[in-house]
Amino acid sequence: MIDAPGPHAVSRLRAQRLARSSKPFLARGGMKGARCPGCRINPAHCICRLQPRLPVRAGVCLLMADIEALKPSNTGWLIADVVADTFAFGWARTDVDPALLALLADPQWQPYLVFPGEFVAPDRVVHRLTPAGPAQPHPQPGNMESPTLRRRPLFVLLDATWPEARKMFRKSPYLDALPVLSLQPEQMSRYRLRRSRREDHFCTSEVGALCLELAGETQAAQALEAWLDVYTHHYLQAKHQLPPELNTPAHLALQSVRVAREVPEVRALAACQDTFEEAG
């Protein structure tokens, strides 16, 4: 049996933010009633059992605006569901978490600040990942192919509304030394829970999927895209008090990920059992 994961970084940040609140946070226009603590949807529409779990070498660092972690429609949460090495920090103009600075300086990571290149000096902008830094002396979890590995990509995402994100970009001098990864996606945003005035603005989860694709994490990118679609469907169905459909293309995609992931685990467990019986 595979143990269920504990609360991830965004869940922990949300709990910390709630502990500082003097009154309950009320989401505008959202569904009413109780919510599952794992997926933030009405328990009758819970999707926790569908959550994709697969190895991802890349990491994501979410720098979140003050109340972003409290919003049920926040999709940075979905990234943390899929990418085990997701880190989440609250942003404040005059107070920087020392753990954030330590993460950005950690030699196992190559951080990329993800932001539109049109607002950045051209010499900071990159459009693809480049080898950076010395090889690491020890293999990282999930990738044991070589005793020396290049630094793992760490995507720094400003999880906020667009006006907030621009302010965070301007007023975070500790990010000034990072290369800025400017994405050039072809498709329009499919996110339906909150809308930007521009259709080429993407929600945090969509940005995360595009980053994973750039890092060569195609299966994880596809899983995150499907996870966003499933979450959106169940959220809206619960909001309108309608039953969810369970055979949409996104549901089937998640099922494929889970089956592909479970088969090697079952084989490994069977091999361990055979070895144990032979030793006995």
C-alpha atoms as a PDB file:
ATOM      1  CA  MET A   1       0.000   0.000   0.000  1.00  0.00           C
ATOM      2  CA  ILE A   2       1.298   3.471  -0.932  1.00  0.00           C
ATOM      3  CA  ASP A   3       1.052   6.009   1.876  1.00  0.00           C
ATOM      4  CA  ALA A   4      -0.927   9.150   1.105  1.00  0.00           C
ATOM      5  CA  PRO A   5       1.254  12.271   1.000  1.00  0.00           C
ATOM      6  CA  GLY A   6       1.005  14.801   3.805  1.00  0.00           C
ATOM      7  CA  PRO A   7       0.008  18.454   3.372  1.00  0.00           C
ATOM      8  CA  HIS A   8       2.058  20.072   0.624  1.00  0.00           C
ATOM      9  CA  ALA A   9       3.733  23.488   0.634  1.00  0.00           C
ATOM     10  CA  VAL A  10       0.698  25.506  -0.491  1.00  0.00           C
ATOM     11  CA  SER A  11      -1.552  23.732   1.996  1.00  0.00           C
ATOM     12  CA  ARG A  12       0.895  24.544   4.807  1.00  0.00           C
ATOM     13  CA  LEU A  13       1.175  28.177   3.688  1.00  0.00           C
ATOM     14  CA  ARG A  14      -2.620  28.433   3.647  1.00  0.00           C
ATOM     15  CA  ALA A  15      -2.795  27.084   7.210  1.00  0.00           C
ATOM     16  CA  GLN A  16      -0.180  29.617   8.347  1.00  0.00           C
ATOM     17  CA  ARG A  17      -2.066  32.461   6.674  1.00  0.00           C
ATOM     18  CA  LEU A  18      -5.368  31.374   8.229  1.00  0.00           C
ATOM     19  CA  ALA A  19      -3.732  31.300  11.662  1.00  0.00           C
ATOM     20  CA  ARG A  20      -2.872  34.996  11.251  1.00  0.00           C
ATOM     21  CA  SER A  21      -6.361  35.978  10.114  1.00  0.00           C
ATOM     22  CA  SER A  22      -8.712  37.740  12.491  1.00  0.00           C
ATOM     23  CA  LYS A  23     -11.820  36.643  10.553  1.00  0.00           C
ATOM     24  CA  PRO A  24     -12.731  33.840   8.123  1.00  0.00           C
ATOM     25  CA  PHE A  25     -11.805  34.260   4.471  1.00  0.00           C
ATOM     26  CA  LEU A  26     -14.913  34.346   2.247  1.00  0.00           C
ATOM     27  CA  ALA A  27     -14.326  33.652  -1.423  1.00  0.00           C
ATOM     28  CA  ARG A  28     -16.414  35.857  -3.717  1.00  0.00           C
ATOM     29  CA  GLY A  29     -18.720  34.018  -6.073  1.00  0.00           C
ATOM     30  CA  GLY A  30     -17.554  30.587  -4.975  1.00  0.00           C
ATOM     31  CA  MET A  31     -19.461  27.513  -3.933  1.00  0.00           C
ATOM     32  CA  LYS A  32     -21.134  27.495  -0.543  1.00  0.00           C
ATOM     33  CA  GLY A  33     -20.875  24.960   2.260  1.00  0.00           C
ATOM     34  CA  ALA A  34     -18.149  22.588   3.431  1.00  0.00           C
ATOM     35  CA  ARG A  35     -15.032  21.918   1.378  1.00  0.00           C
ATOM     36  CA  CYS A  36     -12.695  18.943   1.291  1.00  0.00           C
ATOM     37  CA  PRO A  37      -9.379  19.996   2.918  1.00  0.00           C
ATOM     38  CA  GLY A  38      -7.440  18.090   0.258  1.00  0.00           C
ATOM     39  CA  CYS A  39      -8.927  19.479  -2.969  1.00  0.00           C
ATOM     40  CA  ARG A  40     -11.016  22.456  -1.681  1.00  0.00           C
ATOM     41  CA  ILE A  41     -14.158  21.228  -3.451  1.00  0.00           C
ATOM     42  CA  ASN A  42     -17.483  20.188  -1.929  1.00  0.00           C
ATOM     43  CA  PRO A  43     -16.942  16.679  -0.457  1.00  0.00           C
ATOM     44  CA  ALA A  44     -19.633  15.240  -2.765  1.00  0.00           C
ATOM     45  CA  HIS A  45     -17.467  16.328  -5.739  1.00  0.00           C
ATOM     46  CA  CYS A  46     -14.076  15.491  -4.149  1.00  0.00           C
ATOM     47  CA  ILE A  47     -11.274  14.634  -6.596  1.00  0.00           C
ATOM     48  CA  CYS A  48      -8.554  13.582  -4.138  1.00  0.00           C
ATOM     49  CA  ARG A  49      -8.708   9.961  -5.315  1.00  0.00           C
ATOM     50  CA  LEU A  50      -7.876  11.141  -8.850  1.00  0.00           C
ATOM     51  CA  GLN A  51      -4.740  13.089  -7.908  1.00  0.00           C
ATOM     52  CA  PRO A  52      -1.821  12.221 -10.219  1.00  0.00           C
ATOM     53  CA  ARG A  53       1.449  11.222  -8.569  1.00  0.00           C
ATOM     54  CA  LEU A  54       4.556  10.772 -10.691  1.00  0.00           C
ATOM     55  CA  PRO A  55       8.281  11.551 -10.404  1.00  0.00           C
ATOM     56  CA  VAL A  56       9.311  15.052 -11.474  1.00  0.00           C
ATOM     57  CA  ARG A  57      12.932  16.206 -11.436  1.00  0.00           C
ATOM     58  CA  ALA A  58      12.108  19.914 -11.837  1.00  0.00           C
ATOM     59  CA  GLY A  59      10.971  22.053  -8.935  1.00  0.00           C
ATOM     60  CA  VAL A  60       8.583  24.985  -8.577  1.00  0.00           C
ATOM     61  CA  CYS A  61       8.860  27.904  -6.182  1.00  0.00           C
ATOM     62  CA  LEU A  62       5.595  29.800  -5.707  1.00  0.00           C
ATOM     63  CA  LEU A  63       5.924  33.359  -4.426  1.00  0.00           C
ATOM     64  CA  MET A  64       2.347  34.085  -3.437  1.00  0.00           C
ATOM     65  CA  ALA A  65       0.518  37.376  -2.878  1.00  0.00           C
ATOM     66  CA  ASP A  66      -0.961  37.883   0.577  1.00  0.00           C
ATOM     67  CA  ILE A  67      -4.353  36.153   0.239  1.00  0.00           C
ATOM     68  CA  GLU A  68      -3.635  34.014  -2.826  1.00  0.00           C
ATOM     69  CA  ALA A  69      -3.185  30.813  -0.820  1.00  0.00           C
ATOM     70  CA  LEU A  70      -6.606  31.371   0.759  1.00  0.00           C
ATOM     71  CA  LYS A  71      -8.499  31.476  -2.539  1.00  0.00           C
ATOM     72  CA  PRO A  72     -10.233  28.189  -3.432  1.00  0.00           C
ATOM     73  CA  SER A  73      -9.683  29.012  -7.113  1.00  0.00           C
ATOM     74  CA  ASN A  74      -5.907  29.299  -6.673  1.00  0.00           C
ATOM     75  CA  THR A  75      -4.158  26.916  -9.065  1.00  0.00           C
ATOM     76  CA  GLY A  76      -0.709  27.030  -7.533  1.00  0.00           C
ATOM     77  CA  TRP A  77      -2.219  24.420  -5.211  1.00  0.00           C
ATOM     78  CA  LEU A  78      -2.654  22.118  -8.228  1.00  0.00           C
ATOM     79  CA  ILE A  79       1.047  22.404  -9.084  1.00  0.00           C
ATOM     80  CA  ALA A  80       1.922  21.308  -5.557  1.00  0.00           C
ATOM     81  CA  ASP A  81      -0.438  18.339  -5.999  1.00  0.00           C
ATOM     82  CA  VAL A  82       1.575  17.130  -8.999  1.00  0.00           C
ATOM     83  CA  VAL A  83       5.154  18.366  -8.425  1.00  0.00           C
ATOM     84  CA  ALA A  84       6.583  16.993  -5.188  1.00  0.00           C
ATOM     85  CA  ASP A  85       9.336  19.613  -4.995  1.00  0.00           C
ATOM     86  CA  THR A  86       7.000  22.591  -4.854  1.00  0.00           C
ATOM     87  CA  PHE A  87       7.905  25.363  -2.396  1.00  0.00           C
ATOM     88  CA  ALA A  88       5.522  28.147  -1.383  1.00  0.00           C
ATOM     89  CA  PHE A  89       6.290  31.473   0.287  1.00  0.00           C
ATOM     90  CA  GLY A  90       4.147  34.468   1.091  1.00  0.00           C
ATOM     91  CA  TRP A  91       5.348  37.721  -0.478  1.00  0.00           C
ATOM     92  CA  ALA A  92       5.830  40.960   1.438  1.00  0.00           C
ATOM     93  CA  ARG A  93       7.695  44.002   0.178  1.00  0.00           C
ATOM     94  CA  THR A  94       9.783  44.553   3.329  1.00  0.00           C
ATOM     95  CA  ASP A  95      10.045  41.024   4.730  1.00  0.00           C
ATOM     96  CA  VAL A  96      11.791  38.169   2.910  1.00  0.00           C
ATOM     97  CA  ASP A  97      11.627  34.629   4.261  1.00  0.00           C
ATOM     98  CA  PRO A  98      15.213  33.411   4.902  1.00  0.00           C
ATOM     99  CA  ALA A  99      14.131  29.960   3.693  1.00  0.00           C
ATOM    100  CA  LEU A 100      13.317  31.485   0.282  1.00  0.00           C
ATOM    101  CA  LEU A 101      16.779  33.035  -0.003  1.00  0.00           C
ATOM    102  CA  ALA A 102      18.353  29.735   1.037  1.00  0.00           C
ATOM    103  CA  LEU A 103      16.358  27.887  -1.616  1.00  0.00           C
ATOM    104  CA  LEU A 104      17.413  30.286  -4.383  1.00  0.00           C
ATOM    105  CA  ALA A 105      21.065  29.874  -3.307  1.00  0.00           C
ATOM    106  CA  ASP A 106      20.923  26.069  -3.033  1.00  0.00           C
ATOM    107  CA  PRO A 107      23.511  24.691  -5.514  1.00  0.00           C
ATOM    108  CA  GLN A 108      21.314  21.773  -6.579  1.00  0.00           C
ATOM    109  CA  TRP A 109      18.864  24.194  -8.225  1.00  0.00           C
ATOM    110  CA  GLN A 110      19.051  26.513 -11.238  1.00  0.00           C
ATOM    111  CA  PRO A 111      16.293  29.085 -10.614  1.00  0.00           C
ATOM    112  CA  TYR A 112      14.392  30.733 -13.472  1.00  0.00           C
ATOM    113  CA  LEU A 113      12.051  33.630 -12.764  1.00  0.00           C
ATOM    114  CA  VAL A 114       9.065  33.145 -15.056  1.00  0.00           C
ATOM    115  CA  PHE A 115       7.781  36.496 -16.309  1.00  0.00           C
ATOM    116  CA  PRO A 116       6.843  38.112 -19.648  1.00  0.00           C
ATOM    117  CA  GLY A 117       9.987  39.239 -21.435  1.00  0.00           C
ATOM    118  CA  GLU A 118       8.370  42.416 -22.774  1.00  0.00           C
ATOM    119  CA  PHE A 119       8.691  43.963 -19.300  1.00  0.00           C
ATOM    120  CA  VAL A 120      12.314  42.929 -18.707  1.00  0.00           C
ATOM    121  CA  ALA A 121      15.718  44.097 -19.894  1.00  0.00           C
ATOM    122  CA  PRO A 122      16.602  41.955 -22.951  1.00  0.00           C
ATOM    123  CA  ASP A 123      19.903  40.719 -21.495  1.00  0.00           C
ATOM    124  CA  ARG A 124      18.031  38.907 -18.682  1.00  0.00           C
ATOM    125  CA  VAL A 125      15.517  37.123 -20.911  1.00  0.00           C
ATOM    126  CA  VAL A 126      15.797  33.472 -21.952  1.00  0.00           C
ATOM    127  CA  HIS A 127      13.266  31.378 -23.846  1.00  0.00           C
ATOM    128  CA  ARG A 128      14.638  27.933 -23.101  1.00  0.00           C
ATOM    129  CA  LEU A 129      16.528  26.173 -20.336  1.00  0.00           C
ATOM    130  CA  THR A 130      20.286  26.245 -20.602  1.00  0.00           C
ATOM    131  CA  PRO A 131      22.905  24.135 -18.789  1.00  0.00           C
ATOM    132  CA  ALA A 132      24.067  26.144 -15.807  1.00  0.00           C
ATOM    133  CA  GLY A 133      26.472  25.656 -12.973  1.00  0.00           C
ATOM    134  CA  PRO A 134      28.841  22.799 -12.128  1.00  0.00           C
ATOM    135  CA  ALA A 135      27.740  19.194 -12.121  1.00  0.00           C
ATOM    136  CA  GLN A 136      26.476  17.920  -8.787  1.00  0.00           C
ATOM    137  CA  PRO A 137      28.467  15.129  -7.085  1.00  0.00           C
ATOM    138  CA  HIS A 138      25.411  13.105  -6.056  1.00  0.00           C
ATOM    139  CA  PRO A 139      22.365  11.926  -8.035  1.00  0.00           C
ATOM    140  CA  GLN A 140      19.041  13.467  -7.129  1.00  0.00           C
ATOM    141  CA  PRO A 141      15.933  11.489  -6.108  1.00  0.00           C
ATOM    142  CA  GLY A 142      14.012  10.183  -9.090  1.00  0.00           C
ATOM    143  CA  ASN A 143      16.974  10.307 -11.500  1.00  0.00           C
ATOM    144  CA  MET A 144      19.789   7.849 -10.827  1.00  0.00           C
ATOM    145  CA  GLU A 145      21.184   7.601 -14.365  1.00  0.00           C
ATOM    146  CA  SER A 146      24.500   9.330 -13.721  1.00  0.00           C
ATOM    147  CA  PRO A 147      26.755   9.967 -10.706  1.00  0.00           C
ATOM    148  CA  THR A 148      27.081  13.576 -11.864  1.00  0.00           C
ATOM    149  CA  LEU A 149      24.010  15.604 -12.730  1.00  0.00           C
ATOM    150  CA  ARG A 150      23.450  19.169 -13.812  1.00  0.00           C
ATOM    151  CA  ARG A 151      21.529  21.518 -11.586  1.00  0.00           C
ATOM    152  CA  ARG A 152      17.795  20.889 -11.509  1.00  0.00           C
ATOM    153  CA  PRO A 153      15.528  23.612 -12.942  1.00  0.00           C
ATOM    154  CA  LEU A 154      13.561  25.559 -10.347  1.00  0.00           C
ATOM    155  CA  PHE A 155      10.768  27.664 -11.793  1.00  0.00           C
ATOM    156  CA  VAL A 156       9.958  30.733  -9.692  1.00  0.00           C
ATOM    157  CA  LEU A 157       6.337  31.744 -10.303  1.00  0.00           C
ATOM    158  CA  LEU A 158       4.737  34.960  -9.029  1.00  0.00           C
ATOM    159  CA  ASP A 159       1.336  33.634  -7.962  1.00  0.00           C
ATOM    160  CA  ALA A 160      -0.878  36.706  -7.929  1.00  0.00           C
ATOM    161  CA  THR A 161      -3.171  38.840 -10.043  1.00  0.00           C
ATOM    162  CA  TRP A 162      -1.368  40.534 -12.929  1.00  0.00           C
ATOM    163  CA  PRO A 163      -1.134  43.974 -11.210  1.00  0.00           C
ATOM    164  CA  GLU A 164       0.156  42.292  -8.043  1.00  0.00           C
ATOM    165  CA  ALA A 165       2.671  40.214  -9.999  1.00  0.00           C
ATOM    166  CA  ARG A 166       4.114  43.311 -11.684  1.00  0.00           C
ATOM    167  CA  LYS A 167       4.514  44.966  -8.288  1.00  0.00           C
ATOM    168  CA  MET A 168       6.187  41.850  -6.873  1.00  0.00           C
ATOM    169  CA  PHE A 169       8.574  41.766  -9.825  1.00  0.00           C
ATOM    170  CA  ARG A 170       9.584  45.419  -9.358  1.00  0.00           C
ATOM    171  CA  LYS A 171       9.940  45.310  -5.579  1.00  0.00           C
ATOM    172  CA  SER A 172      11.813  42.023  -5.041  1.00  0.00           C
ATOM    173  CA  PRO A 173      15.516  42.907  -5.469  1.00  0.00           C
ATOM    174  CA  TYR A 174      16.579  39.404  -4.400  1.00  0.00           C
ATOM    175  CA  LEU A 175      15.135  38.171  -7.717  1.00  0.00           C
ATOM    176  CA  ASP A 176      17.130  40.624  -9.844  1.00  0.00           C
ATOM    177  CA  ALA A 177      20.027  38.234 -10.422  1.00  0.00           C
ATOM    178  CA  LEU A 178      17.849  35.426 -11.798  1.00  0.00           C
ATOM    179  CA  PRO A 179      17.437  34.784 -15.511  1.00  0.00           C
ATOM    180  CA  VAL A 180      13.912  35.579 -16.655  1.00  0.00           C
ATOM    181  CA  LEU A 181      12.208  32.766 -18.527  1.00  0.00           C
ATOM    182  CA  SER A 182       9.754  34.281 -20.978  1.00  0.00           C
ATOM    183  CA  LEU A 183       7.204  31.762 -22.239  1.00  0.00           C
ATOM    184  CA  GLN A 184       5.860  31.972 -25.776  1.00  0.00           C
ATOM    185  CA  PRO A 185       2.814  29.688 -25.763  1.00  0.00           C
ATOM    186  CA  GLU A 186       0.695  29.146 -28.844  1.00  0.00           C
ATOM    187  CA  GLN A 187      -2.604  28.262 -27.197  1.00  0.00           C
ATOM    188  CA  MET A 188      -5.045  30.525 -25.381  1.00  0.00           C
ATOM    189  CA  SER A 189      -5.767  30.095 -21.699  1.00  0.00           C
ATOM    190  CA  ARG A 190      -8.433  27.509 -20.836  1.00  0.00           C
ATOM    191  CA  TYR A 191      -8.845  28.595 -17.208  1.00  0.00           C
ATOM    192  CA  ARG A 192     -12.493  29.389 -16.389  1.00  0.00           C
ATOM    193  CA  LEU A 193     -12.644  30.153 -12.656  1.00  0.00           C
ATOM    194  CA  ARG A 194     -11.095  33.625 -12.790  1.00  0.00           C
ATOM    195  CA  ARG A 195     -10.567  35.670 -15.918  1.00  0.00           C
ATOM    196  CA  SER A 196      -7.862  38.095 -16.914  1.00  0.00           C
ATOM    197  CA  ARG A 197      -8.712  40.924 -19.307  1.00  0.00           C
ATOM    198  CA  ARG A 198      -6.208  39.415 -21.736  1.00  0.00           C
ATOM    199  CA  GLU A 199      -6.715  35.934 -23.152  1.00  0.00           C
ATOM    200  CA  ASP A 200      -2.968  35.403 -23.432  1.00  0.00           C
ATOM    201  CA  HIS A 201      -2.610  35.642 -19.641  1.00  0.00           C
ATOM    202  CA  PHE A 202      -2.377  32.191 -18.123  1.00  0.00           C
ATOM    203  CA  CYS A 203      -3.303  30.906 -14.700  1.00  0.00           C
ATOM    204  CA  THR A 204      -0.469  29.687 -12.474  1.00  0.00           C
ATOM    205  CA  SER A 205      -1.139  26.014 -13.166  1.00  0.00           C
ATOM    206  CA  GLU A 206      -1.009  26.567 -16.944  1.00  0.00           C
ATOM    207  CA  VAL A 207       2.311  28.389 -16.581  1.00  0.00           C
ATOM    208  CA  GLY A 208       3.601  25.502 -14.485  1.00  0.00           C
ATOM    209  CA  ALA A 209       2.642  22.991 -17.192  1.00  0.00           C
ATOM    210  CA  LEU A 210       4.419  25.045 -19.871  1.00  0.00           C
ATOM    211  CA  CYS A 211       7.547  25.149 -17.700  1.00  0.00           C
ATOM    212  CA  LEU A 212       7.464  21.386 -17.133  1.00  0.00           C
ATOM    213  CA  GLU A 213       7.211  20.872 -20.892  1.00  0.00           C
ATOM    214  CA  LEU A 214      10.305  23.043 -21.419  1.00  0.00           C
ATOM    215  CA  ALA A 215      12.141  20.936 -18.843  1.00  0.00           C
ATOM    216  CA  GLY A 216      11.342  17.757 -20.765  1.00  0.00           C
ATOM    217  CA  GLU A 217       8.766  16.635 -18.179  1.00  0.00           C
ATOM    218  CA  THR A 218       6.127  15.926 -20.819  1.00  0.00           C
ATOM    219  CA  GLN A 219       4.101  13.402 -18.826  1.00  0.00           C
ATOM    220  CA  ALA A 220       4.015  15.677 -15.777  1.00  0.00           C
ATOM    221  CA  ALA A 221       2.993  18.642 -17.957  1.00  0.00           C
ATOM    222  CA  GLN A 222       0.133  16.657 -19.467  1.00  0.00           C
ATOM    223  CA  ALA A 223      -0.928  15.406 -16.040  1.00  0.00           C
ATOM    224  CA  LEU A 224      -0.989  18.953 -14.668  1.00  0.00           C
ATOM    225  CA  GLU A 225      -3.065  20.162 -17.628  1.00  0.00           C
ATOM    226  CA  ALA A 226      -5.559  17.332 -17.102  1.00  0.00           C
ATOM    227  CA  TRP A 227      -5.579  17.957 -13.338  1.00  0.00           C
ATOM    228  CA  LEU A 228      -6.532  21.606 -13.930  1.00  0.00           C
ATOM    229  CA  ASP A 229      -9.350  20.568 -16.273  1.00  0.00           C
ATOM    230  CA  VAL A 230     -10.705  17.976 -13.824  1.00  0.00           C
ATOM    231  CA  TYR A 231     -10.484  20.433 -10.925  1.00  0.00           C
ATOM    232  CA  THR A 232     -12.274  23.151 -12.906  1.00  0.00           C
ATOM    233  CA  HIS A 233     -15.038  20.770 -13.996  1.00  0.00           C
ATOM    234  CA  HIS A 234     -15.735  19.467 -10.481  1.00  0.00           C
ATOM    235  CA  TYR A 235     -15.504  22.958  -8.974  1.00  0.00           C
ATOM    236  CA  LEU A 236     -18.057  24.401 -11.398  1.00  0.00           C
ATOM    237  CA  GLN A 237     -20.364  21.390 -11.160  1.00  0.00           C
ATOM    238  CA  ALA A 238     -20.355  21.681  -7.363  1.00  0.00           C
ATOM    239  CA  LYS A 239     -20.960  25.434  -7.578  1.00  0.00           C
ATOM    240  CA  HIS A 240     -24.030  24.862  -9.758  1.00  0.00           C
ATOM    241  CA  GLN A 241     -25.154  21.813  -7.747  1.00  0.00           C
ATOM    242  CA  LEU A 242     -24.785  19.443 -10.690  1.00  0.00           C
ATOM    243  CA  PRO A 243     -23.237  15.951 -10.679  1.00  0.00           C
ATOM    244  CA  PRO A 244     -19.752  15.697 -12.194  1.00  0.00           C
ATOM    245  CA  GLU A 245     -18.989  13.755 -15.352  1.00  0.00           C
ATOM    246  CA  LEU A 246     -16.312  11.138 -14.735  1.00  0.00           C
ATOM    247  CA  ASN A 247     -15.397  10.143 -18.303  1.00  0.00           C
ATOM    248  CA  THR A 248     -14.188  13.422 -19.770  1.00  0.00           C
ATOM    249  CA  PRO A 249     -10.902  13.380 -21.753  1.00  0.00           C
ATOM    250  CA  ALA A 250      -9.160  14.927 -18.726  1.00  0.00           C
ATOM    251  CA  HIS A 251     -10.461  12.215 -16.392  1.00  0.00           C
ATOM    252  CA  LEU A 252      -9.279   9.534 -18.805  1.00  0.00           C
ATOM    253  CA  ALA A 253      -5.869  11.201 -19.093  1.00  0.00           C
ATOM    254  CA  LEU A 254      -5.452  11.153 -15.316  1.00  0.00           C
ATOM    255  CA  GLN A 255      -6.520   7.536 -15.195  1.00  0.00           C
ATOM    256  CA  SER A 256      -3.836   6.686 -17.761  1.00  0.00           C
ATOM    257  CA  VAL A 257      -1.194   8.436 -15.657  1.00  0.00           C
ATOM    258  CA  ARG A 258      -2.239   6.533 -12.535  1.00  0.00           C
ATOM    259  CA  VAL A 259      -2.251   3.162 -14.322  1.00  0.00           C
ATOM    260  CA  ALA A 260       1.165   3.789 -15.879  1.00  0.00           C
ATOM    261  CA  ARG A 261       2.503   4.778 -12.468  1.00  0.00           C
ATOM    262  CA  GLU A 262       0.926   1.927 -10.517  1.00  0.00           C
ATOM    263  CA  VAL A 263       2.092  -0.937 -12.765  1.00  0.00           C
ATOM    264  CA  PRO A 264       5.842  -0.485 -12.003  1.00  0.00           C
ATOM    265  CA  GLU A 265       5.015  -0.064  -8.301  1.00  0.00           C
ATOM    266  CA  VAL A 266       2.995  -3.286  -8.271  1.00  0.00           C
ATOM    267  CA  ARG A 267       5.815  -5.124 -10.050  1.00  0.00           C
ATOM    268  CA  ALA A 268       8.353  -3.779  -7.573  1.00  0.00           C
ATOM    269  CA  LEU A 269       6.222  -4.864  -4.627  1.00  0.00           C
ATOM    270  CA  ALA A 270       5.791  -8.329  -6.158  1.00  0.00           C
ATOM    271  CA  ALA A 271       9.559  -8.639  -6.670  1.00  0.00           C
ATOM    272  CA  CYS A 272      10.172  -7.680  -3.063  1.00  0.00           C
ATOM    273  CA  GLN A 273       7.630 -10.256  -1.927  1.00  0.00           C
ATOM    274  CA  ASP A 274       9.288 -12.981  -4.049  1.00  0.00           C
ATOM    275  CA  THR A 275      12.691 -12.135  -2.613  1.00  0.00           C
ATOM    276  CA  PHE A 276      11.293 -12.236   0.912  1.00  0.00           C
ATOM    277  CA  GLU A 277       9.686 -15.638   0.337  1.00  0.00           C
ATOM    278  CA  GLU A 278      12.886 -17.073  -1.176  1.00  0.00           C
ATOM    279  CA  ALA A 279      14.897 -15.803   1.802  1.00  0.00           C
ATOM    280  CA  GLY A 280      12.368 -17.370   4.152  1.00  0.00           C
END
